[in-house]
Amino acid sequence: MPSRLPPLNPLRAFEAAARRGSVSAAARELNVTHGAISHQIRALEQSFDTPLFERNGKRLKLTPQGALLLPAVTSAFDGIAAATAAMTRPATSGELTVTCVAALLSFWLIPRMDRFTEQFPGVTLRLIASNDAASPFSPDVDVSILYGDGNWGDCWTRLWSRFSLFPVAGPTLLNMQPLRSIRDLQNHVLLHCDDGREWNTWLAAADTRDLPRGRQHFMGDARLATEAVLHNQGVALGDSITAGDLIAKGELVAPFDLAVPANHALYVACRSDKRAAPIVQAFIDWLFATIESDMPHEPLTSARTILRQRQPRSRVEDDSSI
């Protein structure tokens, strides 16, 4: 390997001229004169003691020696440009603490966590299962994903996704105790993740409010209800976000073509003073980009009738810019 490398300016002139196919175009790109580019290329050729361009036409053509040099020079300049951009770009590294609704954390966020870490390898995630409305105001929390009406006081809040609810069961359970009609639900254990209002809403939409109830269990949240379904303990109401992957993998079955909108929605929230931090910005951008890219592949849209209800407009930010 030679102890000295060619000077930088002649290499820049050579790379621009070769890429643009013209000395004049290279001069305009580098904001110098035509003569300056020609001089730099000649100086580079003298240093190599070999021509780099064939000079027998209006458009420059590389000699075999020039063609050998160009990829290495282009790669070097691309590497310098990438390193410069990384040095001047705001840092997206460090620890990020995120609180998230338990079911969404377990069945949506964690399965997609590798996508985020591949894009931002310098970020260490600290994930906490919580739907505490006080989370966005905690100095120890950077971002919160909450289920509710979106009105959490003086913090930055933006609607992330609405979703629908529908019965889900494990395939093993349905093999043992089929669900051929909605009336068959009376022969199954109903699993609740609230005080029973969600099931009442779905049964009313199915015109079976008077359905006799068999055994029922009340779980602390939707994650526990989903876990119970996965263990064939009964039938619960799944949602179009967290149950989607499980249905696609065959771990859950949605036996009826009827869904109702959830009473509330999912929101992203954080303290206003943390909103501009590059690491927070990166995670929020990723959240919205990922849910948007996933929605067209939602496995329920082709087989489900969504009952649309008028929902009150939230008094929070709901624009497309972050």
Protein backbone atom coordinates (compact mmCIF):
# COMPACT_ATOMS: atom_id res chain seq x y z
CA MET A 1 0.00 0.00 0.00
CA PRO A 2 1.49 3.39 -0.96
CA SER A 3 2.53 5.61 1.90
CA ARG A 4 0.88 8.66 0.33
CA LEU A 5 -2.64 8.99 -1.05
CA PRO A 6 -3.57 11.29 -3.94
CA PRO A 7 -4.64 14.80 -2.86
CA LEU A 8 -8.33 15.23 -2.04
CA ASN A 9 -9.28 18.04 -4.43
CA PRO A 10 -8.10 16.24 -7.61
CA LEU A 11 -9.96 13.13 -6.47
CA ARG A 12 -13.13 15.18 -5.99
CA ALA A 13 -12.74 16.70 -9.45
CA PHE A 14 -12.16 13.27 -11.00
CA GLU A 15 -15.16 11.67 -9.23
CA ALA A 16 -17.55 14.48 -10.14
CA ALA A 17 -16.41 14.56 -13.78
CA ALA A 18 -16.67 10.78 -14.13
CA ARG A 19 -20.10 10.67 -12.50
CA ARG A 20 -21.50 13.59 -14.46
CA GLY A 21 -19.72 12.70 -17.71
CA SER A 22 -18.66 16.30 -18.26
CA VAL A 23 -16.02 18.71 -16.99
CA SER A 24 -18.51 21.59 -17.20
CA ALA A 25 -21.12 19.71 -15.16
CA ALA A 26 -18.52 18.82 -12.55
CA ALA A 27 -17.44 22.47 -12.37
CA ARG A 28 -21.02 23.57 -11.74
CA GLU A 29 -21.52 20.94 -9.04
CA LEU A 30 -18.32 21.87 -7.20
CA ASN A 31 -18.82 25.60 -7.82
CA VAL A 32 -15.45 26.11 -9.52
CA THR A 33 -14.38 26.97 -13.06
CA HIS A 34 -14.08 24.59 -16.00
CA GLY A 35 -10.36 25.24 -16.06
CA ALA A 36 -9.98 24.35 -12.38
CA ILE A 37 -11.56 20.91 -12.92
CA SER A 38 -9.36 20.26 -15.97
CA HIS A 39 -6.27 21.29 -14.03
CA GLN A 40 -7.12 19.01 -11.09
CA ILE A 41 -7.75 16.01 -13.37
CA ARG A 42 -4.45 16.57 -15.20
CA ALA A 43 -2.64 16.82 -11.88
CA LEU A 44 -4.19 13.52 -10.76
CA GLU A 45 -3.21 11.84 -14.02
CA GLN A 46 0.36 13.10 -13.61
CA SER A 47 0.51 11.73 -10.09
CA PHE A 48 -0.56 8.29 -11.40
CA ASP A 49 1.46 8.72 -14.62
CA THR A 50 -1.50 7.38 -16.59
CA PRO A 51 -4.57 8.90 -18.32
CA LEU A 52 -7.90 8.52 -16.55
CA PHE A 53 -10.18 9.75 -19.35
CA GLU A 54 -10.23 9.25 -23.11
CA ARG A 55 -10.35 12.66 -24.76
CA ASN A 56 -11.91 11.89 -28.12
CA GLY A 57 -15.49 13.10 -27.77
CA LYS A 58 -17.79 15.60 -26.06
CA ARG A 59 -18.68 13.18 -23.24
CA LEU A 60 -15.90 11.96 -21.02
CA LYS A 61 -15.12 8.25 -21.14
CA LEU A 62 -13.04 6.48 -18.52
CA THR A 63 -9.90 4.62 -19.46
CA PRO A 64 -9.46 1.14 -17.92
CA GLN A 65 -7.30 2.77 -15.21
CA GLY A 66 -9.98 5.40 -14.54
CA ALA A 67 -12.69 2.73 -14.36
CA LEU A 68 -10.58 0.88 -11.79
CA LEU A 69 -10.15 3.99 -9.65
CA LEU A 70 -13.73 5.35 -9.73
CA PRO A 71 -15.53 2.76 -7.49
CA ALA A 72 -12.95 3.14 -4.73
CA VAL A 73 -13.10 6.95 -4.86
CA THR A 74 -16.93 6.95 -4.93
CA SER A 75 -17.10 4.56 -1.97
CA ALA A 76 -14.64 6.69 0.00
CA PHE A 77 -16.60 9.89 -0.59
CA ASP A 78 -19.87 8.15 0.28
CA GLY A 79 -18.32 6.94 3.53
CA ILE A 80 -17.11 10.41 4.40
CA ALA A 81 -20.57 11.86 3.64
CA ALA A 82 -22.29 9.23 5.81
CA ALA A 83 -19.89 9.81 8.71
CA THR A 84 -20.35 13.57 8.43
CA ALA A 85 -24.14 13.19 8.49
CA ALA A 86 -23.93 10.93 11.52
CA MET A 87 -21.70 13.42 13.34
CA THR A 88 -23.99 16.37 12.65
CA ARG A 89 -27.29 14.52 13.18
CA PRO A 90 -28.88 14.84 16.64
CA ALA A 91 -28.07 11.81 18.76
CA THR A 92 -30.59 8.98 18.81
CA SER A 93 -28.90 6.87 21.42
CA GLY A 94 -29.27 6.20 25.10
CA GLU A 95 -32.05 4.72 27.24
CA LEU A 96 -35.71 5.25 26.38
CA THR A 97 -38.39 4.41 28.94
CA VAL A 98 -41.78 3.54 27.46
CA THR A 99 -44.99 2.67 29.30
CA CYS A 100 -47.57 0.81 27.27
CA VAL A 101 -50.96 -0.86 27.65
CA ALA A 102 -50.13 -4.41 28.73
CA ALA A 103 -51.85 -6.28 25.87
CA LEU A 104 -50.39 -3.98 23.23
CA LEU A 105 -46.94 -4.32 24.78
CA SER A 106 -47.03 -8.13 24.83
CA PHE A 107 -48.75 -8.89 21.54
CA TRP A 108 -47.84 -5.94 19.28
CA LEU A 109 -44.85 -3.92 20.47
CA ILE A 110 -42.52 -6.67 21.67
CA PRO A 111 -42.94 -8.78 18.50
CA ARG A 112 -41.88 -5.67 16.51
CA MET A 113 -39.15 -4.49 18.87
CA ASP A 114 -36.40 -5.85 16.63
CA ARG A 115 -37.53 -3.53 13.82
CA PHE A 116 -36.88 -0.53 16.05
CA THR A 117 -33.57 -1.76 17.45
CA GLU A 118 -32.28 -2.58 13.96
CA GLN A 119 -33.05 0.98 12.88
CA PHE A 120 -31.73 2.57 16.09
CA PRO A 121 -29.08 0.21 17.49
CA GLY A 122 -27.85 2.82 19.96
CA VAL A 123 -31.17 2.94 21.85
CA THR A 124 -31.78 0.79 24.92
CA LEU A 125 -35.49 0.27 25.57
CA ARG A 126 -36.97 0.06 29.05
CA LEU A 127 -40.54 -1.22 28.63
CA ILE A 128 -43.16 -1.06 31.38
CA ALA A 129 -46.68 -2.52 31.20
CA SER A 130 -48.99 0.25 32.42
CA ASN A 131 -52.09 2.22 31.49
CA ASP A 132 -51.61 4.77 34.23
CA ALA A 133 -52.77 8.23 33.11
CA ALA A 134 -50.08 9.74 35.33
CA SER A 135 -47.28 8.09 33.34
CA PRO A 136 -46.73 10.91 30.81
CA PHE A 137 -46.05 13.31 33.67
CA SER A 138 -43.44 11.14 35.39
CA PRO A 139 -39.83 12.38 35.06
CA ASP A 140 -38.79 8.73 34.72
CA VAL A 141 -40.97 8.06 31.65
CA ASP A 142 -40.19 9.27 28.12
CA VAL A 143 -43.18 8.04 26.10
CA SER A 144 -46.54 6.51 27.06
CA ILE A 145 -49.00 4.56 24.92
CA LEU A 146 -52.34 4.78 26.70
CA TYR A 147 -55.88 3.51 26.20
CA GLY A 148 -58.50 6.12 27.01
CA ASP A 149 -60.27 9.24 25.80
CA GLY A 150 -57.05 11.19 25.13
CA ASN A 151 -57.70 13.91 27.69
CA TRP A 152 -54.78 13.74 30.11
CA GLY A 153 -54.21 17.37 30.85
CA ASP A 154 -51.12 19.39 30.07
CA CYS A 155 -49.03 16.98 28.01
CA TRP A 156 -48.44 16.32 24.32
CA THR A 157 -50.99 13.75 23.13
CA ARG A 158 -51.81 12.34 19.73
CA LEU A 159 -54.29 9.70 18.58
CA TRP A 160 -52.37 6.58 17.54
CA SER A 161 -55.13 4.13 16.56
CA ARG A 162 -58.76 3.25 17.02
CA PHE A 163 -59.70 -0.42 16.99
CA SER A 164 -62.61 -2.84 17.05
CA LEU A 165 -63.57 -5.71 19.36
CA PHE A 166 -64.77 -9.22 18.49
CA PRO A 167 -64.86 -12.66 20.16
CA VAL A 168 -61.71 -14.80 19.98
CA ALA A 169 -61.07 -18.35 21.09
CA GLY A 170 -58.36 -20.97 20.84
CA PRO A 171 -58.66 -23.53 18.02
CA THR A 172 -58.27 -26.41 20.48
CA LEU A 173 -61.21 -25.17 22.54
CA LEU A 174 -63.39 -24.80 19.44
CA ASN A 175 -62.53 -28.33 18.38
CA MET A 176 -63.79 -29.58 21.73
CA GLN A 177 -66.74 -27.19 22.09
CA PRO A 178 -67.76 -25.65 18.73
CA LEU A 179 -69.13 -22.14 18.27
CA ARG A 180 -71.46 -22.59 15.33
CA SER A 181 -73.76 -19.73 16.33
CA ILE A 182 -73.73 -16.84 18.76
CA ARG A 183 -76.21 -18.75 20.93
CA ASP A 184 -73.45 -21.34 21.51
CA LEU A 185 -71.63 -18.75 23.65
CA GLN A 186 -73.83 -19.75 26.57
CA ASN A 187 -71.96 -23.05 26.61
CA HIS A 188 -68.59 -21.33 26.94
CA VAL A 189 -66.82 -19.44 29.70
CA LEU A 190 -66.89 -15.70 28.96
CA LEU A 191 -63.67 -13.92 29.88
CA HIS A 192 -63.91 -10.21 30.69
CA CYS A 193 -61.13 -7.62 30.81
CA ASP A 194 -63.49 -5.01 32.30
CA ASP A 195 -66.68 -5.07 34.37
CA GLY A 196 -68.66 -6.71 31.56
CA ARG A 197 -69.64 -3.65 29.55
CA GLU A 198 -67.65 -4.63 26.46
CA TRP A 199 -69.31 -8.03 26.16
CA ASN A 200 -72.71 -6.37 26.75
CA THR A 201 -72.02 -4.00 23.87
CA TRP A 202 -71.02 -6.81 21.52
CA LEU A 203 -74.01 -8.99 22.45
CA ALA A 204 -76.37 -6.04 21.97
CA ALA A 205 -74.93 -5.47 18.50
CA ALA A 206 -75.54 -9.16 17.77
CA ASP A 207 -79.18 -8.85 19.01
CA THR A 208 -78.48 -11.40 21.74
CA ARG A 209 -78.51 -9.19 24.82
CA ASP A 210 -80.77 -11.77 26.51
CA LEU A 211 -78.30 -14.60 25.96
CA PRO A 212 -78.16 -16.77 29.09
CA ARG A 213 -74.71 -16.53 30.65
CA GLY A 214 -72.75 -19.56 31.70
CA ARG A 215 -69.57 -19.28 33.71
CA GLN A 216 -67.69 -16.00 33.62
CA HIS A 217 -64.25 -14.85 34.77
CA PHE A 218 -63.09 -11.27 35.20
CA MET A 219 -59.48 -10.55 34.35
CA GLY A 220 -57.41 -7.50 35.28
CA ASP A 221 -56.74 -6.39 31.71
CA ALA A 222 -56.88 -7.47 28.06
CA ARG A 223 -53.49 -9.17 28.23
CA LEU A 224 -54.65 -11.53 30.97
CA ALA A 225 -57.87 -12.25 29.09
CA THR A 226 -55.89 -13.04 25.92
CA GLU A 227 -53.48 -15.26 27.86
CA ALA A 228 -56.46 -17.16 29.27
CA VAL A 229 -57.84 -17.66 25.76
CA LEU A 230 -54.47 -18.94 24.56
CA HIS A 231 -54.69 -21.53 27.34
CA ASN A 232 -58.21 -22.52 26.19
CA GLN A 233 -59.87 -21.19 29.34
CA GLY A 234 -62.77 -19.50 27.53
CA VAL A 235 -63.80 -16.90 24.96
CA ALA A 236 -62.74 -13.25 25.24
CA LEU A 237 -63.09 -10.09 23.20
CA GLY A 238 -59.95 -9.55 21.18
CA ASP A 239 -59.10 -6.41 19.29
CA SER A 240 -58.03 -5.72 15.73
CA ILE A 241 -54.48 -4.70 16.73
CA THR A 242 -53.23 -7.05 19.41
CA ALA A 243 -55.10 -10.15 18.19
CA GLY A 244 -54.15 -9.70 14.54
CA ASP A 245 -50.80 -11.49 14.68
CA LEU A 246 -52.20 -14.32 16.82
CA ILE A 247 -55.03 -14.90 14.34
CA ALA A 248 -52.59 -14.82 11.41
CA LYS A 249 -50.46 -17.49 13.13
CA GLY A 250 -53.48 -19.67 13.89
CA GLU A 251 -53.15 -19.31 17.66
CA LEU A 252 -56.52 -17.56 17.90
CA VAL A 253 -59.73 -17.90 15.91
CA ALA A 254 -62.37 -15.20 15.34
CA PRO A 255 -65.56 -17.30 14.94
CA PHE A 256 -68.03 -14.51 14.09
CA ASP A 257 -68.08 -11.83 11.40
CA LEU A 258 -69.12 -9.08 13.77
CA ALA A 259 -67.04 -6.44 15.52
CA VAL A 260 -67.87 -3.30 17.47
CA PRO A 261 -65.72 -0.19 17.97
CA ALA A 262 -63.93 0.00 21.30
CA ASN A 263 -65.21 2.66 23.66
CA HIS A 264 -61.89 4.49 23.61
CA ALA A 265 -58.71 4.54 21.52
CA LEU A 266 -54.95 4.27 21.83
CA TYR A 267 -52.91 7.47 22.23
CA VAL A 268 -49.23 8.37 22.37
CA ALA A 269 -48.41 10.87 25.08
CA CYS A 270 -45.35 12.48 26.65
CA ARG A 271 -44.32 15.55 28.58
CA SER A 272 -44.03 18.62 26.37
CA ASP A 273 -40.42 19.24 27.43
CA LYS A 274 -39.43 15.72 26.27
CA ARG A 275 -41.26 15.94 22.97
CA ALA A 276 -38.33 17.50 21.06
CA ALA A 277 -35.67 15.06 22.30
CA PRO A 278 -34.25 13.21 19.25
CA ILE A 279 -34.59 9.79 20.90
CA VAL A 280 -38.26 10.47 21.75
CA GLN A 281 -38.90 11.86 18.27
CA ALA A 282 -37.37 8.76 16.68
CA PHE A 283 -39.53 6.37 18.70
CA ILE A 284 -42.76 8.30 18.09
CA ASP A 285 -42.05 8.51 14.36
CA TRP A 286 -41.38 4.76 14.32
CA LEU A 287 -44.62 4.00 16.18
CA PHE A 288 -46.77 5.87 13.69
CA ALA A 289 -44.92 4.58 10.64
CA THR A 290 -45.19 0.98 11.88
CA ILE A 291 -48.92 1.03 12.66
CA GLU A 292 -49.55 2.65 9.28
CA SER A 293 -47.54 0.01 7.42
CA ASP A 294 -49.22 -2.82 9.35
CA MET A 295 -52.82 -1.72 8.85
CA PRO A 296 -53.15 -2.76 5.17
CA HIS A 297 -52.18 -6.29 6.20
CA GLU A 298 -54.73 -6.52 9.02
CA PRO A 299 -56.16 -10.05 8.71
CA LEU A 300 -59.63 -9.02 9.84
CA THR A 301 -60.59 -6.48 7.20
CA SER A 302 -61.62 -9.04 4.61
CA ALA A 303 -63.85 -11.06 6.92
CA ARG A 304 -65.33 -8.66 9.43
CA THR A 305 -68.31 -6.32 9.47
CA ILE A 306 -67.41 -3.21 11.44
CA LEU A 307 -70.30 -1.44 13.12
CA ARG A 308 -69.50 2.23 12.80
CA GLN A 309 -70.54 4.54 15.60
CA ARG A 310 -70.17 8.27 15.91
CA GLN A 311 -67.39 8.94 18.40
CA PRO A 312 -66.79 12.29 20.13
CA ARG A 313 -63.91 14.34 18.76
CA SER A 314 -61.01 14.34 21.18
CA ARG A 315 -59.65 17.64 22.38
CA VAL A 316 -56.06 16.68 21.66
CA GLU A 317 -53.64 17.09 18.81
CA ASP A 318 -54.57 14.86 15.87
CA ASP A 319 -52.53 16.17 12.96
CA SER A 320 -50.18 14.37 10.62
CA SER A 321 -47.07 16.22 11.72
CA ILE A 322 -45.10 15.35 14.80
